[in-house]
Structure formats: structure tokens, C-alpha cells
Amino acid sequence: MGCPPTIRLETLRSIAEGVSVIDDPRIDYVPNIGIVEGSRAILVVDTGMGPAIGRLLFS
């Protein structure tokens, strides 16, 4: 069992106003990450497959 794949920030795409997603269906076990931007906060739905990917997302 190897390391989980990293996210590709360039695949970030907007699906509605204030709602974005990072997904990549070409890679097995890729984390699908949702981002909802509000007026006072940002909600990240699933930071990925572990703390390292979460840190990359927030960088």
C-alpha cells in the first residue's frame, strides 16, 4: 500500500457562486473536496486523504 495521491490544485473549479470542488476522476482514490465560501467563513467539505493534503489545500 503506497502513499495516497496528492490533490491537483489546478483542477479546482467553480460549480456555483461561492461553491468550488477539487476532483479528478482519472485517479483512483482521489479525494473529492468541496469548498463553500460564505460572507464570514469558508467551509471545506473533506480536506482530502489525511493531514498532509489538508495542509496543501490550505496553503
PDB file of N, CA and C in Angstrom:
ATOM      1  N   MET A   1       0.849  -1.166   0.000  1.00  0.00           N
ATOM      2  CA  MET A   1       0.000   0.000   0.000  1.00  0.00           C
ATOM      3  C   MET A   1       0.898   1.233   0.000  1.00  0.00           C
ATOM      4  N   GLY A   2       0.766   2.093  -1.015  1.00  0.00           N
ATOM      5  CA  GLY A   2       1.599   3.281  -1.138  1.00  0.00           C
ATOM      6  C   GLY A   2       0.945   4.504  -0.535  1.00  0.00           C
ATOM      7  N   CYS A   3       1.559   5.626  -0.787  1.00  0.00           N
ATOM      8  CA  CYS A   3       1.031   6.896  -0.295  1.00  0.00           C
ATOM      9  C   CYS A   3      -0.200   7.288  -1.104  1.00  0.00           C
ATOM     10  N   PRO A   4      -1.146   7.957  -0.469  1.00  0.00           N
ATOM     11  CA  PRO A   4      -2.318   8.400  -1.215  1.00  0.00           C
ATOM     12  C   PRO A   4      -1.927   9.469  -2.226  1.00  0.00           C
ATOM     13  N   PRO A   5      -2.666   9.579  -3.328  1.00  0.00           N
ATOM     14  CA  PRO A   5      -2.341  10.592  -4.324  1.00  0.00           C
ATOM     15  C   PRO A   5      -2.546  11.983  -3.754  1.00  0.00           C
ATOM     16  N   THR A   6      -1.786  12.918  -4.260  1.00  0.00           N
ATOM     17  CA  THR A   6      -1.941  14.295  -3.828  1.00  0.00           C
ATOM     18  C   THR A   6      -3.040  14.969  -4.649  1.00  0.00           C
ATOM     19  N   ILE A   7      -3.564  16.044  -4.142  1.00  0.00           N
ATOM     20  CA  ILE A   7      -4.565  16.775  -4.908  1.00  0.00           C
ATOM     21  C   ILE A   7      -3.861  17.640  -5.939  1.00  0.00           C
ATOM     22  N   ARG A   8      -4.564  17.949  -6.985  1.00  0.00           N
ATOM     23  CA  ARG A   8      -4.047  18.841  -8.019  1.00  0.00           C
ATOM     24  C   ARG A   8      -4.842  20.133  -7.922  1.00  0.00           C
ATOM     25  N   LEU A   9      -4.237  21.161  -7.334  1.00  0.00           N
ATOM     26  CA  LEU A   9      -4.941  22.419  -7.108  1.00  0.00           C
ATOM     27  C   LEU A   9      -5.433  23.044  -8.408  1.00  0.00           C
ATOM     28  N   GLU A  10      -4.772  22.738  -9.522  1.00  0.00           N
ATOM     29  CA  GLU A  10      -5.203  23.302 -10.801  1.00  0.00           C
ATOM     30  C   GLU A  10      -6.541  22.725 -11.281  1.00  0.00           C
ATOM     31  N   THR A  11      -7.024  21.661 -10.632  1.00  0.00           N
ATOM     32  CA  THR A  11      -8.327  21.107 -11.014  1.00  0.00           C
ATOM     33  C   THR A  11      -9.479  21.765 -10.264  1.00  0.00           C
ATOM     34  N   LEU A  12      -9.167  22.742  -9.395  1.00  0.00           N
ATOM     35  CA  LEU A  12     -10.214  23.482  -8.684  1.00  0.00           C
ATOM     36  C   LEU A  12     -11.148  24.119  -9.702  1.00  0.00           C
ATOM     37  N   ARG A  13     -12.443  23.882  -9.550  1.00  0.00           N
ATOM     38  CA  ARG A  13     -13.404  24.500 -10.472  1.00  0.00           C
ATOM     39  C   ARG A  13     -14.639  24.942  -9.708  1.00  0.00           C
ATOM     40  N   SER A  14     -15.208  26.025 -10.180  1.00  0.00           N
ATOM     41  CA  SER A  14     -16.412  26.571  -9.570  1.00  0.00           C
ATOM     42  C   SER A  14     -17.625  25.846 -10.139  1.00  0.00           C
ATOM     43  N   ILE A  15     -18.534  25.417  -9.268  1.00  0.00           N
ATOM     44  CA  ILE A  15     -19.753  24.758  -9.745  1.00  0.00           C
ATOM     45  C   ILE A  15     -20.991  25.602  -9.470  1.00  0.00           C
ATOM     46  N   ALA A  16     -20.842  26.645  -8.674  1.00  0.00           N
ATOM     47  CA  ALA A  16     -21.908  27.610  -8.390  1.00  0.00           C
ATOM     48  C   ALA A  16     -21.243  28.801  -7.710  1.00  0.00           C
ATOM     49  N   GLU A  17     -21.952  29.898  -7.588  1.00  0.00           N
ATOM     50  CA  GLU A  17     -21.373  31.061  -6.931  1.00  0.00           C
ATOM     51  C   GLU A  17     -20.989  30.710  -5.494  1.00  0.00           C
ATOM     52  N   GLY A  18     -19.718  30.858  -5.175  1.00  0.00           N
ATOM     53  CA  GLY A  18     -19.234  30.569  -3.834  1.00  0.00           C
ATOM     54  C   GLY A  18     -19.035  29.096  -3.530  1.00  0.00           C
ATOM     55  N   VAL A  19     -19.190  28.233  -4.529  1.00  0.00           N
ATOM     56  CA  VAL A  19     -19.032  26.784  -4.320  1.00  0.00           C
ATOM     57  C   VAL A  19     -18.041  26.242  -5.349  1.00  0.00           C
ATOM     58  N   SER A  20     -16.982  25.606  -4.845  1.00  0.00           N
ATOM     59  CA  SER A  20     -15.960  25.042  -5.721  1.00  0.00           C
ATOM     60  C   SER A  20     -15.706  23.593  -5.338  1.00  0.00           C
ATOM     61  N   VAL A  21     -15.084  22.875  -6.247  1.00  0.00           N
ATOM     62  CA  VAL A  21     -14.769  21.471  -5.998  1.00  0.00           C
ATOM     63  C   VAL A  21     -13.403  21.158  -6.602  1.00  0.00           C
ATOM     64  N   ILE A  22     -12.689  20.273  -5.943  1.00  0.00           N
ATOM     65  CA  ILE A  22     -11.457  19.709  -6.491  1.00  0.00           C
ATOM     66  C   ILE A  22     -11.730  18.219  -6.644  1.00  0.00           C
ATOM     67  N   ASP A  23     -11.728  17.764  -7.873  1.00  0.00           N
ATOM     68  CA  ASP A  23     -11.914  16.332  -8.113  1.00  0.00           C
ATOM     69  C   ASP A  23     -11.092  15.946  -9.332  1.00  0.00           C
ATOM     70  N   ASP A  24     -10.824  14.697  -9.471  1.00  0.00           N
ATOM     71  CA  ASP A  24     -10.092  14.191 -10.620  1.00  0.00           C
ATOM     72  C   ASP A  24     -10.487  12.738 -10.818  1.00  0.00           C
ATOM     73  N   PRO A  25     -11.498  12.478 -11.641  1.00  0.00           N
ATOM     74  CA  PRO A  25     -11.989  11.109 -11.810  1.00  0.00           C
ATOM     75  C   PRO A  25     -11.000  10.181 -12.504  1.00  0.00           C
ATOM     76  N   ARG A  26      -9.903  10.708 -13.029  1.00  0.00           N
ATOM     77  CA  ARG A  26      -8.923   9.852 -13.706  1.00  0.00           C
ATOM     78  C   ARG A  26      -8.017   9.114 -12.741  1.00  0.00           C
ATOM     79  N   ILE A  27      -8.014   9.508 -11.462  1.00  0.00           N
ATOM     80  CA  ILE A  27      -7.111   8.912 -10.480  1.00  0.00           C
ATOM     81  C   ILE A  27      -7.924   8.118  -9.463  1.00  0.00           C
ATOM     82  N   ASP A  28      -7.572   6.846  -9.258  1.00  0.00           N
ATOM     83  CA  ASP A  28      -8.252   6.039  -8.245  1.00  0.00           C
ATOM     84  C   ASP A  28      -8.032   6.631  -6.863  1.00  0.00           C
ATOM     85  N   TYR A  29      -9.048   6.591  -6.054  1.00  0.00           N
ATOM     86  CA  TYR A  29      -8.998   7.017  -4.656  1.00  0.00           C
ATOM     87  C   TYR A  29      -8.651   8.498  -4.480  1.00  0.00           C
ATOM     88  N   VAL A  30      -8.944   9.313  -5.481  1.00  0.00           N
ATOM     89  CA  VAL A  30      -8.663  10.741  -5.342  1.00  0.00           C
ATOM     90  C   VAL A  30      -9.649  11.351  -4.351  1.00  0.00           C
ATOM     91  N   PRO A  31      -9.188  12.257  -3.514  1.00  0.00           N
ATOM     92  CA  PRO A  31     -10.115  12.924  -2.616  1.00  0.00           C
ATOM     93  C   PRO A  31     -10.960  13.923  -3.389  1.00  0.00           C
ATOM     94  N   ASN A  32     -12.239  13.911  -3.169  1.00  0.00           N
ATOM     95  CA  ASN A  32     -13.124  14.918  -3.733  1.00  0.00           C
ATOM     96  C   ASN A  32     -13.369  15.928  -2.624  1.00  0.00           C
ATOM     97  N   ILE A  33     -12.975  17.163  -2.874  1.00  0.00           N
ATOM     98  CA  ILE A  33     -13.015  18.196  -1.852  1.00  0.00           C
ATOM     99  C   ILE A  33     -13.978  19.287  -2.283  1.00  0.00           C
ATOM    100  N   GLY A  34     -14.894  19.648  -1.410  1.00  0.00           N
ATOM    101  CA  GLY A  34     -15.821  20.738  -1.669  1.00  0.00           C
ATOM    102  C   GLY A  34     -15.451  21.952  -0.840  1.00  0.00           C
ATOM    103  N   ILE A  35     -15.616  23.136  -1.420  1.00  0.00           N
ATOM    104  CA  ILE A  35     -15.301  24.386  -0.735  1.00  0.00           C
ATOM    105  C   ILE A  35     -16.491  25.322  -0.905  1.00  0.00           C
ATOM    106  N   VAL A  36     -17.049  25.771   0.212  1.00  0.00           N
ATOM    107  CA  VAL A  36     -18.190  26.684   0.196  1.00  0.00           C
ATOM    108  C   VAL A  36     -17.735  27.983   0.853  1.00  0.00           C
ATOM    109  N   GLU A  37     -17.786  29.074   0.093  1.00  0.00           N
ATOM    110  CA  GLU A  37     -17.339  30.371   0.595  1.00  0.00           C
ATOM    111  C   GLU A  37     -18.540  31.192   1.041  1.00  0.00           C
ATOM    112  N   GLY A  38     -18.566  31.524   2.320  1.00  0.00           N
ATOM    113  CA  GLY A  38     -19.614  32.371   2.870  1.00  0.00           C
ATOM    114  C   GLY A  38     -19.092  33.775   3.106  1.00  0.00           C
ATOM    115  N   SER A  39     -19.933  34.642   3.611  1.00  0.00           N
ATOM    116  CA  SER A  39     -19.520  36.026   3.845  1.00  0.00           C
ATOM    117  C   SER A  39     -18.587  36.156   5.046  1.00  0.00           C
ATOM    118  N   ARG A  40     -18.625  35.188   5.972  1.00  0.00           N
ATOM    119  CA  ARG A  40     -17.788  35.271   7.173  1.00  0.00           C
ATOM    120  C   ARG A  40     -16.855  34.088   7.360  1.00  0.00           C
ATOM    121  N   ALA A  41     -17.007  33.058   6.564  1.00  0.00           N
ATOM    122  CA  ALA A  41     -16.191  31.860   6.763  1.00  0.00           C
ATOM    123  C   ALA A  41     -16.157  31.025   5.486  1.00  0.00           C
ATOM    124  N   ILE A  42     -15.256  30.060   5.480  1.00  0.00           N
ATOM    125  CA  ILE A  42     -15.155  29.094   4.384  1.00  0.00           C
ATOM    126  C   ILE A  42     -15.325  27.705   4.972  1.00  0.00           C
ATOM    127  N   LEU A  43     -16.201  26.916   4.363  1.00  0.00           N
ATOM    128  CA  LEU A  43     -16.424  25.537   4.785  1.00  0.00           C
ATOM    129  C   LEU A  43     -15.722  24.620   3.795  1.00  0.00           C
ATOM    130  N   VAL A  44     -14.839  23.774   4.306  1.00  0.00           N
ATOM    131  CA  VAL A  44     -14.175  22.779   3.477  1.00  0.00           C
ATOM    132  C   VAL A  44     -14.795  21.438   3.812  1.00  0.00           C
ATOM    133  N   VAL A  45     -15.382  20.808   2.801  1.00  0.00           N
ATOM    134  CA  VAL A  45     -16.032  19.514   2.983  1.00  0.00           C
ATOM    135  C   VAL A  45     -15.041  18.450   2.537  1.00  0.00           C
ATOM    136  N   ASP A  46     -14.476  17.741   3.494  1.00  0.00           N
ATOM    137  CA  ASP A  46     -13.488  16.690   3.266  1.00  0.00           C
ATOM    138  C   ASP A  46     -12.158  17.305   2.857  1.00  0.00           C
ATOM    139  N   THR A  47     -11.237  17.410   3.775  1.00  0.00           N
ATOM    140  CA  THR A  47      -9.928  18.002   3.486  1.00  0.00           C
ATOM    141  C   THR A  47      -9.014  17.066   2.720  1.00  0.00           C
ATOM    142  N   GLY A  48      -9.519  15.956   2.255  1.00  0.00           N
ATOM    143  CA  GLY A  48      -8.699  15.046   1.476  1.00  0.00           C
ATOM    144  C   GLY A  48      -8.353  13.809   2.267  1.00  0.00           C
ATOM    145  N   MET A  49      -7.306  13.153   1.841  1.00  0.00           N
ATOM    146  CA  MET A  49      -6.928  11.877   2.434  1.00  0.00           C
ATOM    147  C   MET A  49      -5.811  12.064   3.444  1.00  0.00           C
ATOM    148  N   GLY A  50      -6.076  12.835   4.495  1.00  0.00           N
ATOM    149  CA  GLY A  50      -5.102  12.978   5.562  1.00  0.00           C
ATOM    150  C   GLY A  50      -4.631  14.401   5.767  1.00  0.00           C
ATOM    151  N   PRO A  51      -3.890  14.605   6.853  1.00  0.00           N
ATOM    152  CA  PRO A  51      -3.430  15.944   7.229  1.00  0.00           C
ATOM    153  C   PRO A  51      -2.536  16.610   6.182  1.00  0.00           C
ATOM    154  N   ALA A  52      -1.680  15.863   5.515  1.00  0.00           N
ATOM    155  CA  ALA A  52      -0.771  16.464   4.531  1.00  0.00           C
ATOM    156  C   ALA A  52      -1.549  17.101   3.384  1.00  0.00           C
ATOM    157  N   ILE A  53      -2.582  16.444   2.920  1.00  0.00           N
ATOM    158  CA  ILE A  53      -3.392  17.009   1.839  1.00  0.00           C
ATOM    159  C   ILE A  53      -4.189  18.199   2.351  1.00  0.00           C
ATOM    160  N   GLY A  54      -4.668  18.130   3.571  1.00  0.00           N
ATOM    161  CA  GLY A  54      -5.357  19.278   4.163  1.00  0.00           C
ATOM    162  C   GLY A  54      -4.453  20.495   4.241  1.00  0.00           C
ATOM    163  N   ARG A  55      -3.196  20.296   4.634  1.00  0.00           N
ATOM    164  CA  ARG A  55      -2.238  21.414   4.693  1.00  0.00           C
ATOM    165  C   ARG A  55      -1.979  21.985   3.304  1.00  0.00           C
ATOM    166  N   LEU A  56      -1.851  21.126   2.295  1.00  0.00           N
ATOM    167  CA  LEU A  56      -1.648  21.591   0.922  1.00  0.00           C
ATOM    168  C   LEU A  56      -2.836  22.423   0.467  1.00  0.00           C
ATOM    169  N   LEU A  57      -4.016  21.981   0.780  1.00  0.00           N
ATOM    170  CA  LEU A  57      -5.227  22.695   0.391  1.00  0.00           C
ATOM    171  C   LEU A  57      -5.264  24.085   1.000  1.00  0.00           C
ATOM    172  N   PHE A  58      -4.862  24.207   2.262  1.00  0.00           N
ATOM    173  CA  PHE A  58      -4.933  25.490   2.953  1.00  0.00           C
ATOM    174  C   PHE A  58      -3.719  26.376   2.692  1.00  0.00           C
ATOM    175  N   SER A  59      -2.732  25.871   1.951  1.00  0.00           N
ATOM    176  CA  SER A  59      -1.529  26.681   1.689  1.00  0.00           C
ATOM    177  C   SER A  59      -1.771  27.750   0.645  1.00  0.00           C
TER     178      SER A  59
END
